[in-house]
Amino acid sequence: GYLSNPHLLGGIEAVKHLVIGEDPANIEEIWQKIFHLHSD
């Protein structure tokens, strides 16, 4: 995101706990999980 990279770095750290421990095969499930938990 160029100028927004610092925000994106913080964002990845904020959502990684939602991904760790998951089966990486469940690509759509992980996508939906992160998307709907941050709908605001």
PDB file of all heavy atoms in Angstrom:
ATOM      1  N   GLY A   1       0.814  -1.208   0.000  1.00  0.00           N
ATOM      2  CA  GLY A   1       0.000   0.000   0.000  1.00  0.00           C
ATOM      3  C   GLY A   1       0.847   1.257   0.000  1.00  0.00           C
ATOM      4  O   GLY A   1       0.327   2.346   0.199  1.00  0.00           O
ATOM      5  N   TYR A   2       2.172   1.116  -0.199  1.00  0.00           N
ATOM      6  CA  TYR A   2       3.116   2.232  -0.201  1.00  0.00           C
ATOM      7  C   TYR A   2       2.968   3.080   1.063  1.00  0.00           C
ATOM      8  O   TYR A   2       3.387   2.670   2.128  1.00  0.00           O
ATOM      9  CB  TYR A   2       2.978   3.056  -1.480  1.00  0.00           C
ATOM     10  CG  TYR A   2       3.267   2.272  -2.729  1.00  0.00           C
ATOM     11  CD1 TYR A   2       2.356   2.211  -3.781  1.00  0.00           C
ATOM     12  CD2 TYR A   2       4.444   1.544  -2.850  1.00  0.00           C
ATOM     13  CE1 TYR A   2       2.625   1.462  -4.925  1.00  0.00           C
ATOM     14  CE2 TYR A   2       4.724   0.802  -3.985  1.00  0.00           C
ATOM     15  CZ  TYR A   2       3.811   0.762  -5.024  1.00  0.00           C
ATOM     16  OH  TYR A   2       4.068   0.025  -6.130  1.00  0.00           O
ATOM     17  N   LEU A   3       2.334   4.240   0.991  1.00  0.00           N
ATOM     18  CA  LEU A   3       2.247   5.107   2.163  1.00  0.00           C
ATOM     19  C   LEU A   3       1.440   4.470   3.298  1.00  0.00           C
ATOM     20  O   LEU A   3       1.618   4.815   4.466  1.00  0.00           O
ATOM     21  CB  LEU A   3       1.629   6.453   1.791  1.00  0.00           C
ATOM     22  CG  LEU A   3       2.491   7.366   0.906  1.00  0.00           C
ATOM     23  CD1 LEU A   3       1.730   8.639   0.563  1.00  0.00           C
ATOM     24  CD2 LEU A   3       3.827   7.697   1.566  1.00  0.00           C
ATOM     25  N   SER A   4       0.547   3.538   2.977  1.00  0.00           N
ATOM     26  CA  SER A   4      -0.265   2.891   4.014  1.00  0.00           C
ATOM     27  C   SER A   4       0.363   1.606   4.531  1.00  0.00           C
ATOM     28  O   SER A   4      -0.242   0.910   5.348  1.00  0.00           O
ATOM     29  CB  SER A   4      -1.672   2.602   3.484  1.00  0.00           C
ATOM     30  OG  SER A   4      -1.631   1.721   2.373  1.00  0.00           O
ATOM     31  N   ASN A   5       1.577   1.289   4.080  1.00  0.00           N
ATOM     32  CA  ASN A   5       2.227   0.058   4.545  1.00  0.00           C
ATOM     33  C   ASN A   5       2.307  -0.045   6.069  1.00  0.00           C
ATOM     34  O   ASN A   5       2.074  -1.120   6.623  1.00  0.00           O
ATOM     35  CB  ASN A   5       3.633  -0.062   3.942  1.00  0.00           C
ATOM     36  CG  ASN A   5       3.611  -0.619   2.536  1.00  0.00           C
ATOM     37  OD1 ASN A   5       2.606  -1.154   2.073  1.00  0.00           O
ATOM     38  ND2 ASN A   5       4.729  -0.491   1.834  1.00  0.00           N
ATOM     39  N   PRO A   6       2.662   1.029   6.794  1.00  0.00           N
ATOM     40  CA  PRO A   6       2.716   0.908   8.260  1.00  0.00           C
ATOM     41  C   PRO A   6       1.380   0.473   8.866  1.00  0.00           C
ATOM     42  O   PRO A   6       1.343  -0.311   9.813  1.00  0.00           O
ATOM     43  CB  PRO A   6       3.108   2.315   8.709  1.00  0.00           C
ATOM     44  CG  PRO A   6       3.877   2.874   7.557  1.00  0.00           C
ATOM     45  CD  PRO A   6       3.179   2.342   6.347  1.00  0.00           C
ATOM     46  N   HIS A   7       0.267   0.973   8.304  1.00  0.00           N
ATOM     47  CA  HIS A   7      -1.053   0.570   8.794  1.00  0.00           C
ATOM     48  C   HIS A   7      -1.321  -0.895   8.477  1.00  0.00           C
ATOM     49  O   HIS A   7      -1.897  -1.626   9.292  1.00  0.00           O
ATOM     50  CB  HIS A   7      -2.137   1.443   8.159  1.00  0.00           C
ATOM     51  CG  HIS A   7      -1.991   2.899   8.446  1.00  0.00           C
ATOM     52  ND1 HIS A   7      -2.307   3.442   9.663  1.00  0.00           N
ATOM     53  CD2 HIS A   7      -1.550   3.929   7.677  1.00  0.00           C
ATOM     54  CE1 HIS A   7      -2.091   4.744   9.639  1.00  0.00           C
ATOM     55  NE2 HIS A   7      -1.614   5.058   8.451  1.00  0.00           N
ATOM     56  N   LEU A   8      -0.909  -1.320   7.300  1.00  0.00           N
ATOM     57  CA  LEU A   8      -1.126  -2.712   6.899  1.00  0.00           C
ATOM     58  C   LEU A   8      -0.288  -3.664   7.746  1.00  0.00           C
ATOM     59  O   LEU A   8      -0.729  -4.761   8.097  1.00  0.00           O
ATOM     60  CB  LEU A   8      -0.801  -2.882   5.416  1.00  0.00           C
ATOM     61  CG  LEU A   8      -1.729  -2.122   4.458  1.00  0.00           C
ATOM     62  CD1 LEU A   8      -1.171  -2.141   3.043  1.00  0.00           C
ATOM     63  CD2 LEU A   8      -3.121  -2.711   4.487  1.00  0.00           C
ATOM     64  N   LEU A   9       0.931  -3.252   8.079  1.00  0.00           N
ATOM     65  CA  LEU A   9       1.770  -4.070   8.954  1.00  0.00           C
ATOM     66  C   LEU A   9       1.082  -4.284  10.300  1.00  0.00           C
ATOM     67  O   LEU A   9       1.040  -5.399  10.824  1.00  0.00           O
ATOM     68  CB  LEU A   9       3.129  -3.398   9.161  1.00  0.00           C
ATOM     69  CG  LEU A   9       4.112  -3.468   7.998  1.00  0.00           C
ATOM     70  CD1 LEU A   9       5.266  -2.497   8.230  1.00  0.00           C
ATOM     71  CD2 LEU A   9       4.649  -4.887   7.833  1.00  0.00           C
ATOM     72  N   GLY A  10       0.543  -3.205  10.854  1.00  0.00           N
ATOM     73  CA  GLY A  10      -0.177  -3.339  12.116  1.00  0.00           C
ATOM     74  C   GLY A  10      -1.422  -4.181  11.970  1.00  0.00           C
ATOM     75  O   GLY A  10      -1.781  -4.942  12.877  1.00  0.00           O
ATOM     76  N   GLY A  11      -2.079  -4.066  10.821  1.00  0.00           N
ATOM     77  CA  GLY A  11      -3.285  -4.850  10.583  1.00  0.00           C
ATOM     78  C   GLY A  11      -3.021  -6.337  10.508  1.00  0.00           C
ATOM     79  O   GLY A  11      -3.791  -7.152  11.029  1.00  0.00           O
ATOM     80  N   ILE A  12      -1.933  -6.712   9.835  1.00  0.00           N
ATOM     81  CA  ILE A  12      -1.579  -8.134   9.758  1.00  0.00           C
ATOM     82  C   ILE A  12      -1.326  -8.685  11.154  1.00  0.00           C
ATOM     83  O   ILE A  12      -1.759  -9.792  11.503  1.00  0.00           O
ATOM     84  CB  ILE A  12      -0.330  -8.341   8.868  1.00  0.00           C
ATOM     85  CG1 ILE A  12      -0.650  -7.991   7.408  1.00  0.00           C
ATOM     86  CG2 ILE A  12       0.177  -9.770   8.977  1.00  0.00           C
ATOM     87  CD1 ILE A  12      -1.646  -8.911   6.745  1.00  0.00           C
ATOM     88  N   GLU A  13      -0.627  -7.924  11.988  1.00  0.00           N
ATOM     89  CA  GLU A  13      -0.379  -8.358  13.362  1.00  0.00           C
ATOM     90  C   GLU A  13      -1.686  -8.495  14.141  1.00  0.00           C
ATOM     91  O   GLU A  13      -1.829  -9.371  15.002  1.00  0.00           O
ATOM     92  CB  GLU A  13       0.542  -7.362  14.072  1.00  0.00           C
ATOM     93  CG  GLU A  13       1.980  -7.399  13.587  1.00  0.00           C
ATOM     94  CD  GLU A  13       2.637  -8.751  13.826  1.00  0.00           C
ATOM     95  OE1 GLU A  13       2.493  -9.288  14.941  1.00  0.00           O
ATOM     96  OE2 GLU A  13       3.266  -9.265  12.894  1.00  0.00           O
ATOM     97  N   ALA A  14      -2.658  -7.632  13.836  1.00  0.00           N
ATOM     98  CA  ALA A  14      -3.925  -7.647  14.564  1.00  0.00           C
ATOM     99  C   ALA A  14      -4.807  -8.836  14.191  1.00  0.00           C
ATOM    100  O   ALA A  14      -5.611  -9.289  15.012  1.00  0.00           O
ATOM    101  CB  ALA A  14      -4.683  -6.343  14.311  1.00  0.00           C
ATOM    102  N   VAL A  15      -4.669  -9.361  12.957  1.00  0.00           N
ATOM    103  CA  VAL A  15      -5.549 -10.451  12.527  1.00  0.00           C
ATOM    104  C   VAL A  15      -4.860 -11.820  12.523  1.00  0.00           C
ATOM    105  O   VAL A  15      -5.530 -12.838  12.345  1.00  0.00           O
ATOM    106  CB  VAL A  15      -6.129 -10.186  11.117  1.00  0.00           C
ATOM    107  CG1 VAL A  15      -6.867  -8.858  11.091  1.00  0.00           C
ATOM    108  CG2 VAL A  15      -5.044 -10.225  10.040  1.00  0.00           C
ATOM    109  N   LYS A  16      -3.550 -11.853  12.739  1.00  0.00           N
ATOM    110  CA  LYS A  16      -2.835 -13.128  12.615  1.00  0.00           C
ATOM    111  C   LYS A  16      -3.324 -14.176  13.616  1.00  0.00           C
ATOM    112  O   LYS A  16      -3.291 -15.370  13.329  1.00  0.00           O
ATOM    113  CB  LYS A  16      -1.323 -12.927  12.731  1.00  0.00           C
ATOM    114  CG  LYS A  16      -0.860 -12.445  14.072  1.00  0.00           C
ATOM    115  CD  LYS A  16       0.635 -12.075  14.047  1.00  0.00           C
ATOM    116  CE  LYS A  16       1.528 -13.270  13.908  1.00  0.00           C
ATOM    117  NZ  LYS A  16       2.977 -12.893  13.991  1.00  0.00           N
ATOM    118  N   HIS A  17      -3.805 -13.731  14.791  1.00  0.00           N
ATOM    119  CA  HIS A  17      -4.289 -14.706  15.776  1.00  0.00           C
ATOM    120  C   HIS A  17      -5.540 -15.435  15.276  1.00  0.00           C
ATOM    121  O   HIS A  17      -5.863 -16.523  15.765  1.00  0.00           O
ATOM    122  CB  HIS A  17      -4.582 -14.010  17.103  1.00  0.00           C
ATOM    123  CG  HIS A  17      -5.821 -13.158  17.080  1.00  0.00           C
ATOM    124  ND1 HIS A  17      -5.839 -11.893  16.519  1.00  0.00           N
ATOM    125  CD2 HIS A  17      -7.076 -13.390  17.536  1.00  0.00           C
ATOM    126  CE1 HIS A  17      -7.047 -11.378  16.640  1.00  0.00           C
ATOM    127  NE2 HIS A  17      -7.819 -12.263  17.257  1.00  0.00           N
ATOM    128  N   LEU A  18      -6.232 -14.842  14.299  1.00  0.00           N
ATOM    129  CA  LEU A  18      -7.398 -15.490  13.724  1.00  0.00           C
ATOM    130  C   LEU A  18      -7.009 -16.579  12.732  1.00  0.00           C
ATOM    131  O   LEU A  18      -7.840 -17.415  12.362  1.00  0.00           O
ATOM    132  CB  LEU A  18      -8.272 -14.451  13.005  1.00  0.00           C
ATOM    133  CG  LEU A  18      -8.810 -13.306  13.859  1.00  0.00           C
ATOM    134  CD1 LEU A  18      -9.499 -12.275  12.978  1.00  0.00           C
ATOM    135  CD2 LEU A  18      -9.757 -13.841  14.926  1.00  0.00           C
ATOM    136  N   VAL A  19      -5.754 -16.566  12.323  1.00  0.00           N
ATOM    137  CA  VAL A  19      -5.276 -17.487  11.286  1.00  0.00           C
ATOM    138  C   VAL A  19      -4.448 -18.621  11.886  1.00  0.00           C
ATOM    139  O   VAL A  19      -4.555 -19.776  11.456  1.00  0.00           O
ATOM    140  CB  VAL A  19      -4.433 -16.709  10.247  1.00  0.00           C
ATOM    141  CG1 VAL A  19      -3.869 -17.643   9.193  1.00  0.00           C
ATOM    142  CG2 VAL A  19      -5.268 -15.608   9.613  1.00  0.00           C
ATOM    143  N   ILE A  20      -3.629 -18.303  12.884  1.00  0.00           N
ATOM    144  CA  ILE A  20      -2.769 -19.314  13.497  1.00  0.00           C
ATOM    145  C   ILE A  20      -3.614 -20.429  14.106  1.00  0.00           C
ATOM    146  O   ILE A  20      -4.583 -20.172  14.814  1.00  0.00           O
ATOM    147  CB  ILE A  20      -1.860 -18.677  14.563  1.00  0.00           C
ATOM    148  CG1 ILE A  20      -0.851 -17.732  13.895  1.00  0.00           C
ATOM    149  CG2 ILE A  20      -1.121 -19.741  15.369  1.00  0.00           C
ATOM    150  CD1 ILE A  20       0.013 -16.956  14.865  1.00  0.00           C
ATOM    151  N   GLY A  21      -3.215 -21.661  13.800  1.00  0.00           N
ATOM    152  CA  GLY A  21      -3.945 -22.834  14.278  1.00  0.00           C
ATOM    153  C   GLY A  21      -4.972 -23.359  13.294  1.00  0.00           C
ATOM    154  O   GLY A  21      -5.484 -24.471  13.461  1.00  0.00           O
ATOM    155  N   GLU A  22      -5.261 -22.577  12.242  1.00  0.00           N
ATOM    156  CA  GLU A  22      -6.233 -23.006  11.246  1.00  0.00           C
ATOM    157  C   GLU A  22      -5.590 -23.920  10.208  1.00  0.00           C
ATOM    158  O   GLU A  22      -4.374 -23.911  10.006  1.00  0.00           O
ATOM    159  CB  GLU A  22      -6.837 -21.787  10.547  1.00  0.00           C
ATOM    160  CG  GLU A  22      -7.658 -20.888  11.448  1.00  0.00           C
ATOM    161  CD  GLU A  22      -8.961 -21.548  11.884  1.00  0.00           C
ATOM    162  OE1 GLU A  22      -9.478 -22.408  11.139  1.00  0.00           O
ATOM    163  OE2 GLU A  22      -9.471 -21.195  12.964  1.00  0.00           O
ATOM    164  N   ASP A  23      -6.427 -24.696   9.533  1.00  0.00           N
ATOM    165  CA  ASP A  23      -5.979 -25.524   8.416  1.00  0.00           C
ATOM    166  C   ASP A  23      -5.851 -24.619   7.196  1.00  0.00           C
ATOM    167  O   ASP A  23      -6.827 -23.988   6.782  1.00  0.00           O
ATOM    168  CB  ASP A  23      -7.013 -26.625   8.161  1.00  0.00           C
ATOM    169  CG  ASP A  23      -6.614 -27.569   7.035  1.00  0.00           C
ATOM    170  OD1 ASP A  23      -5.686 -27.252   6.267  1.00  0.00           O
ATOM    171  OD2 ASP A  23      -7.241 -28.641   6.925  1.00  0.00           O
ATOM    172  N   PRO A  24      -4.667 -24.503   6.588  1.00  0.00           N
ATOM    173  CA  PRO A  24      -4.496 -23.603   5.440  1.00  0.00           C
ATOM    174  C   PRO A  24      -5.305 -24.003   4.219  1.00  0.00           C
ATOM    175  O   PRO A  24      -5.408 -23.210   3.273  1.00  0.00           O
ATOM    176  CB  PRO A  24      -2.988 -23.661   5.164  1.00  0.00           C
ATOM    177  CG  PRO A  24      -2.541 -24.959   5.740  1.00  0.00           C
ATOM    178  CD  PRO A  24      -3.405 -25.176   6.951  1.00  0.00           C
ATOM    179  N   ALA A  25      -5.876 -25.213   4.227  1.00  0.00           N
ATOM    180  CA  ALA A  25      -6.722 -25.626   3.106  1.00  0.00           C
ATOM    181  C   ALA A  25      -8.029 -24.858   3.086  1.00  0.00           C
ATOM    182  O   ALA A  25      -8.649 -24.687   2.039  1.00  0.00           O
ATOM    183  CB  ALA A  25      -7.022 -27.118   3.195  1.00  0.00           C
ATOM    184  N   ASN A  26      -8.467 -24.377   4.250  1.00  0.00           N
ATOM    185  CA  ASN A  26      -9.778 -23.736   4.358  1.00  0.00           C
ATOM    186  C   ASN A  26      -9.683 -22.257   3.982  1.00  0.00           C
ATOM    187  O   ASN A  26      -9.921 -21.366   4.803  1.00  0.00           O
ATOM    188  CB  ASN A  26     -10.315 -23.897   5.777  1.00  0.00           C
ATOM    189  CG  ASN A  26     -10.476 -25.353   6.149  1.00  0.00           C
ATOM    190  OD1 ASN A  26     -10.700 -26.215   5.292  1.00  0.00           O
ATOM    191  ND2 ASN A  26     -10.369 -25.650   7.426  1.00  0.00           N
ATOM    192  N   ILE A  27      -9.328 -22.022   2.755  1.00  0.00           N
ATOM    193  CA  ILE A  27      -9.059 -20.669   2.285  1.00  0.00           C
ATOM    194  C   ILE A  27     -10.288 -19.776   2.390  1.00  0.00           C
ATOM    195  O   ILE A  27     -10.229 -18.655   2.905  1.00  0.00           O
ATOM    196  CB  ILE A  27      -8.540 -20.700   0.829  1.00  0.00           C
ATOM    197  CG1 ILE A  27      -7.226 -21.486   0.755  1.00  0.00           C
ATOM    198  CG2 ILE A  27      -8.351 -19.284   0.288  1.00  0.00           C
ATOM    199  CD1 ILE A  27      -6.714 -21.695  -0.654  1.00  0.00           C
ATOM    200  N   GLU A  28     -11.426 -20.261   1.923  1.00  0.00           N
ATOM    201  CA  GLU A  28     -12.647 -19.447   1.946  1.00  0.00           C
ATOM    202  C   GLU A  28     -13.122 -19.196   3.375  1.00  0.00           C
ATOM    203  O   GLU A  28     -13.568 -18.083   3.704  1.00  0.00           O
ATOM    204  CB  GLU A  28     -13.749 -20.138   1.138  1.00  0.00           C
ATOM    205  CG  GLU A  28     -15.052 -19.353   1.066  1.00  0.00           C
ATOM    206  CD  GLU A  28     -14.910 -18.026   0.325  1.00  0.00           C
ATOM    207  OE1 GLU A  28     -13.939 -17.867  -0.457  1.00  0.00           O
ATOM    208  OE2 GLU A  28     -15.766 -17.137   0.530  1.00  0.00           O
ATOM    209  N   GLU A  29     -13.030 -20.200   4.223  1.00  0.00           N
ATOM    210  CA  GLU A  29     -13.455 -20.045   5.615  1.00  0.00           C
ATOM    211  C   GLU A  29     -12.619 -18.973   6.322  1.00  0.00           C
ATOM    212  O   GLU A  29     -13.154 -18.132   7.067  1.00  0.00           O
ATOM    213  CB  GLU A  29     -13.329 -21.367   6.361  1.00  0.00           C
ATOM    214  CG  GLU A  29     -13.746 -21.288   7.823  1.00  0.00           C
ATOM    215  CD  GLU A  29     -13.558 -22.601   8.563  1.00  0.00           C
ATOM    216  OE1 GLU A  29     -12.965 -23.535   7.990  1.00  0.00           O
ATOM    217  OE2 GLU A  29     -13.994 -22.678   9.718  1.00  0.00           O
ATOM    218  N   ILE A  30     -11.306 -18.991   6.095  1.00  0.00           N
ATOM    219  CA  ILE A  30     -10.427 -17.999   6.711  1.00  0.00           C
ATOM    220  C   ILE A  30     -10.736 -16.610   6.176  1.00  0.00           C
ATOM    221  O   ILE A  30     -10.769 -15.629   6.931  1.00  0.00           O
ATOM    222  CB  ILE A  30      -8.945 -18.371   6.471  1.00  0.00           C
ATOM    223  CG1 ILE A  30      -8.606 -19.652   7.257  1.00  0.00           C
ATOM    224  CG2 ILE A  30      -8.010 -17.233   6.854  1.00  0.00           C
ATOM    225  CD1 ILE A  30      -7.245 -20.228   6.942  1.00  0.00           C
ATOM    226  N   TRP A  31     -10.990 -16.509   4.868  1.00  0.00           N
ATOM    227  CA  TRP A  31     -11.349 -15.220   4.262  1.00  0.00           C
ATOM    228  C   TRP A  31     -12.602 -14.654   4.915  1.00  0.00           C
ATOM    229  O   TRP A  31     -12.635 -13.485   5.332  1.00  0.00           O
ATOM    230  CB  TRP A  31     -11.566 -15.413   2.759  1.00  0.00           C
ATOM    231  CG  TRP A  31     -11.591 -14.150   1.957  1.00  0.00           C
ATOM    232  CD1 TRP A  31     -10.587 -13.636   1.196  1.00  0.00           C
ATOM    233  CD2 TRP A  31     -12.692 -13.230   1.820  1.00  0.00           C
ATOM    234  NE1 TRP A  31     -10.987 -12.461   0.595  1.00  0.00           N
ATOM    235  CE2 TRP A  31     -12.277 -12.189   0.968  1.00  0.00           C
ATOM    236  CE3 TRP A  31     -13.987 -13.196   2.348  1.00  0.00           C
ATOM    237  CZ2 TRP A  31     -13.105 -11.132   0.622  1.00  0.00           C
ATOM    238  CZ3 TRP A  31     -14.818 -12.132   2.014  1.00  0.00           C
ATOM    239  CH2 TRP A  31     -14.374 -11.114   1.158  1.00  0.00           C
ATOM    240  N   GLN A  32     -13.641 -15.480   4.998  1.00  0.00           N
ATOM    241  CA  GLN A  32     -14.909 -15.018   5.565  1.00  0.00           C
ATOM    242  C   GLN A  32     -14.775 -14.656   7.044  1.00  0.00           C
ATOM    243  O   GLN A  32     -15.387 -13.689   7.520  1.00  0.00           O
ATOM    244  CB  GLN A  32     -15.978 -16.107   5.388  1.00  0.00           C
ATOM    245  CG  GLN A  32     -16.349 -16.425   3.954  1.00  0.00           C
ATOM    246  CD  GLN A  32     -17.152 -15.319   3.289  1.00  0.00           C
ATOM    247  OE1 GLN A  32     -17.676 -14.436   3.956  1.00  0.00           O
ATOM    248  NE2 GLN A  32     -17.247 -15.377   1.971  1.00  0.00           N
ATOM    249  N   LYS A  33     -13.989 -15.416   7.758  1.00  0.00           N
ATOM    250  CA  LYS A  33     -13.797 -15.179   9.188  1.00  0.00           C
ATOM    251  C   LYS A  33     -13.215 -13.792   9.434  1.00  0.00           C
ATOM    252  O   LYS A  33     -13.731 -13.015  10.252  1.00  0.00           O
ATOM    253  CB  LYS A  33     -12.881 -16.260   9.766  1.00  0.00           C
ATOM    254  CG  LYS A  33     -12.600 -16.150  11.251  1.00  0.00           C
ATOM    255  CD  LYS A  33     -11.689 -17.293  11.680  1.00  0.00           C
ATOM    256  CE  LYS A  33     -11.390 -17.255  13.164  1.00  0.00           C
ATOM    257  NZ  LYS A  33     -10.478 -18.382  13.559  1.00  0.00           N
ATOM    258  N   ILE A  34     -12.128 -13.459   8.746  1.00  0.00           N
ATOM    259  CA  ILE A  34     -11.493 -12.153   8.938  1.00  0.00           C
ATOM    260  C   ILE A  34     -12.412 -11.031   8.447  1.00  0.00           C
ATOM    261  O   ILE A  34     -12.571 -10.000   9.102  1.00  0.00           O
ATOM    262  CB  ILE A  34     -10.139 -12.096   8.207  1.00  0.00           C
ATOM    263  CG1 ILE A  34      -9.192 -13.168   8.750  1.00  0.00           C
ATOM    264  CG2 ILE A  34      -9.506 -10.714   8.353  1.00  0.00           C
ATOM    265  CD1 ILE A  34      -7.886 -13.273   7.980  1.00  0.00           C
ATOM    266  N   PHE A  35     -13.045 -11.246   7.314  1.00  0.00           N
ATOM    267  CA  PHE A  35     -13.886 -10.219   6.700  1.00  0.00           C
ATOM    268  C   PHE A  35     -15.044  -9.828   7.618  1.00  0.00           C
ATOM    269  O   PHE A  35     -15.275  -8.647   7.889  1.00  0.00           O
ATOM    270  CB  PHE A  35     -14.420 -10.729   5.361  1.00  0.00           C
ATOM    271  CG  PHE A  35     -15.251  -9.738   4.599  1.00  0.00           C
ATOM    272  CD1 PHE A  35     -14.650  -8.814   3.754  1.00  0.00           C
ATOM    273  CD2 PHE A  35     -16.634  -9.726   4.727  1.00  0.00           C
ATOM    274  CE1 PHE A  35     -15.414  -7.894   3.042  1.00  0.00           C
ATOM    275  CE2 PHE A  35     -17.407  -8.815   4.023  1.00  0.00           C
ATOM    276  CZ  PHE A  35     -16.794  -7.900   3.178  1.00  0.00           C
ATOM    277  N   HIS A  36     -15.785 -10.813   8.120  1.00  0.00           N
ATOM    278  CA  HIS A  36     -16.990 -10.513   8.893  1.00  0.00           C
ATOM    279  C   HIS A  36     -16.685 -10.041  10.309  1.00  0.00           C
ATOM    280  O   HIS A  36     -17.472  -9.285  10.889  1.00  0.00           O
ATOM    281  CB  HIS A  36     -17.905 -11.732   8.914  1.00  0.00           C
ATOM    282  CG  HIS A  36     -18.539 -12.014   7.579  1.00  0.00           C
ATOM    283  ND1 HIS A  36     -19.442 -11.164   6.993  1.00  0.00           N
ATOM    284  CD2 HIS A  36     -18.361 -13.041   6.702  1.00  0.00           C
ATOM    285  CE1 HIS A  36     -19.816 -11.647   5.818  1.00  0.00           C
ATOM    286  NE2 HIS A  36     -19.176 -12.785   5.614  1.00  0.00           N
ATOM    287  N   LEU A  37     -15.550 -10.456  10.871  1.00  0.00           N
ATOM    288  CA  LEU A  37     -15.197  -9.977  12.201  1.00  0.00           C
ATOM    289  C   LEU A  37     -14.740  -8.518  12.185  1.00  0.00           C
ATOM    290  O   LEU A  37     -14.623  -7.890  13.242  1.00  0.00           O
ATOM    291  CB  LEU A  37     -14.101 -10.861  12.810  1.00  0.00           C
ATOM    292  CG  LEU A  37     -14.556 -12.235  13.308  1.00  0.00           C
ATOM    293  CD1 LEU A  37     -13.360 -13.052  13.781  1.00  0.00           C
ATOM    294  CD2 LEU A  37     -15.580 -12.097  14.432  1.00  0.00           C
ATOM    295  N   HIS A  38     -14.477  -7.975  10.994  1.00  0.00           N
ATOM    296  CA  HIS A  38     -14.022  -6.585  10.890  1.00  0.00           C
ATOM    297  C   HIS A  38     -14.941  -5.785   9.974  1.00  0.00           C
ATOM    298  O   HIS A  38     -14.507  -4.862   9.290  1.00  0.00           O
ATOM    299  CB  HIS A  38     -12.579  -6.542  10.378  1.00  0.00           C
ATOM    300  CG  HIS A  38     -11.606  -7.174  11.300  1.00  0.00           C
ATOM    301  ND1 HIS A  38     -11.355  -8.537  11.293  1.00  0.00           N
ATOM    302  CD2 HIS A  38     -10.829  -6.658  12.289  1.00  0.00           C
ATOM    303  CE1 HIS A  38     -10.457  -8.820  12.226  1.00  0.00           C
ATOM    304  NE2 HIS A  38     -10.132  -7.709  12.844  1.00  0.00           N
ATOM    305  N   SER A  39     -16.221  -6.133   9.975  1.00  0.00           N
ATOM    306  CA  SER A  39     -17.174  -5.474   9.076  1.00  0.00           C
ATOM    307  C   SER A  39     -17.386  -3.999   9.406  1.00  0.00           C
ATOM    308  O   SER A  39     -17.928  -3.242   8.593  1.00  0.00           O
ATOM    309  CB  SER A  39     -18.517  -6.201   9.123  1.00  0.00           C
ATOM    310  OG  SER A  39     -19.041  -6.200  10.450  1.00  0.00           O
ATOM    311  N   ASP A  40     -16.966  -3.573  10.608  1.00  0.00           N
ATOM    312  CA  ASP A  40     -17.120  -2.168  10.979  1.00  0.00           C
ATOM    313  C   ASP A  40     -15.923  -1.319  10.573  1.00  0.00           C
ATOM    314  O   ASP A  40     -15.874  -0.130  10.867  1.00  0.00           O
ATOM    315  CB  ASP A  40     -17.335  -2.047  12.488  1.00  0.00           C
ATOM    316  CG  ASP A  40     -16.186  -2.631  13.299  1.00  0.00           C
ATOM    317  OD1 ASP A  40     -15.482  -3.518  12.766  1.00  0.00           O
ATOM    318  OD2 ASP A  40     -15.985  -2.205  14.455  1.00  0.00           O
TER     319      ASP A  40
END
